[in-house]
Amino acid sequence: MHNILREYFALHSPVAPKVEGRITATDAPRTLLSQLEGYDYEFR
């Protein structure tokens, strides 16, 4: 899965995710984009 995402990001960068309000995390800050650690993704 990570290789697929890397390939997608290489072709479609920069990626600019936006908060749409469809899901609410009750245990995390509103600005959190990912809980994965140790990967080289960069969200802007």
N, C-alpha and C. Protein backbone atom coordinates (compact mmCIF):
# COMPACT_ATOMS: atom_id res chain seq x y z
N MET A 1 0.82 -1.19 0.00
CA MET A 1 0.00 0.00 0.00
C MET A 1 0.87 1.26 0.00
N HIS A 2 1.94 1.23 0.77
CA HIS A 2 2.80 2.42 0.87
C HIS A 2 3.47 2.71 -0.47
N ASN A 3 3.86 1.69 -1.19
CA ASN A 3 4.48 1.92 -2.51
C ASN A 3 3.47 2.53 -3.49
N ILE A 4 2.24 2.09 -3.41
CA ILE A 4 1.20 2.64 -4.27
C ILE A 4 0.99 4.12 -3.98
N LEU A 5 0.96 4.47 -2.69
CA LEU A 5 0.80 5.88 -2.32
C LEU A 5 1.99 6.72 -2.77
N ARG A 6 3.19 6.18 -2.62
CA ARG A 6 4.38 6.91 -3.08
C ARG A 6 4.32 7.18 -4.58
N GLU A 7 3.90 6.18 -5.35
CA GLU A 7 3.78 6.35 -6.80
C GLU A 7 2.70 7.40 -7.14
N TYR A 8 1.58 7.34 -6.44
CA TYR A 8 0.51 8.30 -6.68
C TYR A 8 0.99 9.72 -6.37
N PHE A 9 1.64 9.89 -5.21
CA PHE A 9 2.12 11.21 -4.82
C PHE A 9 3.18 11.72 -5.78
N ALA A 10 3.99 10.85 -6.32
CA ALA A 10 5.02 11.26 -7.28
C ALA A 10 4.38 11.84 -8.55
N LEU A 11 3.25 11.29 -8.94
CA LEU A 11 2.56 11.75 -10.14
C LEU A 11 1.61 12.91 -9.90
N HIS A 12 1.06 13.00 -8.70
CA HIS A 12 0.00 13.98 -8.42
C HIS A 12 0.35 14.94 -7.29
N SER A 13 1.60 15.32 -7.16
CA SER A 13 2.01 16.24 -6.10
C SER A 13 1.99 17.67 -6.61
N PRO A 14 1.81 18.64 -5.75
CA PRO A 14 1.57 18.46 -4.32
C PRO A 14 0.12 18.06 -4.05
N VAL A 15 -0.06 17.35 -2.96
CA VAL A 15 -1.38 16.94 -2.52
C VAL A 15 -1.81 17.92 -1.43
N ALA A 16 -3.00 18.44 -1.54
CA ALA A 16 -3.51 19.40 -0.56
C ALA A 16 -4.83 18.90 0.02
N PRO A 17 -4.76 18.02 1.04
CA PRO A 17 -6.00 17.51 1.63
C PRO A 17 -6.76 18.64 2.32
N LYS A 18 -8.08 18.51 2.34
CA LYS A 18 -8.89 19.50 3.04
C LYS A 18 -9.83 18.78 3.99
N VAL A 19 -10.19 19.46 5.04
CA VAL A 19 -11.11 18.90 6.02
C VAL A 19 -12.52 19.12 5.51
N GLU A 20 -13.27 18.03 5.34
CA GLU A 20 -14.63 18.12 4.82
C GLU A 20 -15.68 17.97 5.92
N GLY A 21 -15.25 17.55 7.11
CA GLY A 21 -16.18 17.44 8.22
C GLY A 21 -17.08 16.22 8.18
N ARG A 22 -16.74 15.21 7.36
CA ARG A 22 -17.57 14.01 7.26
C ARG A 22 -17.31 13.02 8.37
N ILE A 23 -16.13 13.10 8.99
CA ILE A 23 -15.75 12.18 10.06
C ILE A 23 -15.24 12.99 11.24
N THR A 24 -15.58 12.56 12.43
CA THR A 24 -15.12 13.26 13.63
C THR A 24 -14.31 12.32 14.49
N ALA A 25 -13.05 12.69 14.75
CA ALA A 25 -12.21 11.93 15.67
C ALA A 25 -12.37 12.55 17.05
N THR A 26 -12.81 11.77 18.00
CA THR A 26 -13.06 12.30 19.33
C THR A 26 -11.82 12.25 20.22
N ASP A 27 -10.76 11.58 19.78
CA ASP A 27 -9.57 11.43 20.61
C ASP A 27 -8.33 12.06 19.98
N ALA A 28 -8.51 13.00 19.03
CA ALA A 28 -7.37 13.59 18.34
C ALA A 28 -7.65 15.06 18.02
N PRO A 29 -6.59 15.85 17.83
CA PRO A 29 -6.80 17.25 17.45
C PRO A 29 -7.42 17.36 16.05
N ARG A 30 -8.15 18.44 15.79
CA ARG A 30 -8.82 18.62 14.50
C ARG A 30 -7.86 18.74 13.34
N THR A 31 -6.61 19.11 13.59
CA THR A 31 -5.63 19.29 12.53
C THR A 31 -4.87 18.01 12.18
N LEU A 32 -5.14 16.91 12.84
CA LEU A 32 -4.44 15.65 12.60
C LEU A 32 -4.81 15.08 11.23
N LEU A 33 -3.80 14.79 10.38
CA LEU A 33 -4.05 14.20 9.07
C LEU A 33 -3.73 12.71 9.05
N SER A 34 -2.86 12.24 9.94
CA SER A 34 -2.48 10.84 9.95
C SER A 34 -1.93 10.46 11.31
N GLN A 35 -2.14 9.23 11.72
CA GLN A 35 -1.57 8.73 12.96
C GLN A 35 -0.41 7.78 12.70
N LEU A 36 -0.02 7.61 11.45
CA LEU A 36 1.10 6.76 11.12
C LEU A 36 2.40 7.44 11.49
N GLU A 37 3.32 6.71 12.07
CA GLU A 37 4.63 7.25 12.41
C GLU A 37 5.70 6.47 11.67
N GLY A 38 6.81 7.15 11.38
CA GLY A 38 7.95 6.48 10.78
C GLY A 38 7.91 6.39 9.27
N TYR A 39 7.02 7.16 8.62
CA TYR A 39 6.96 7.15 7.17
C TYR A 39 7.35 8.53 6.64
N ASP A 40 7.77 8.58 5.40
CA ASP A 40 8.31 9.82 4.86
C ASP A 40 7.28 10.65 4.10
N TYR A 41 6.00 10.51 4.41
CA TYR A 41 4.96 11.33 3.78
C TYR A 41 5.05 12.74 4.33
N GLU A 42 4.77 13.70 3.48
CA GLU A 42 4.75 15.08 3.91
C GLU A 42 3.45 15.72 3.46
N PHE A 43 2.59 16.05 4.41
CA PHE A 43 1.32 16.70 4.10
C PHE A 43 1.52 18.20 4.17
N ARG A 44 1.00 18.92 3.18
CA ARG A 44 1.10 20.39 3.18
C ARG A 44 -0.25 21.01 3.04
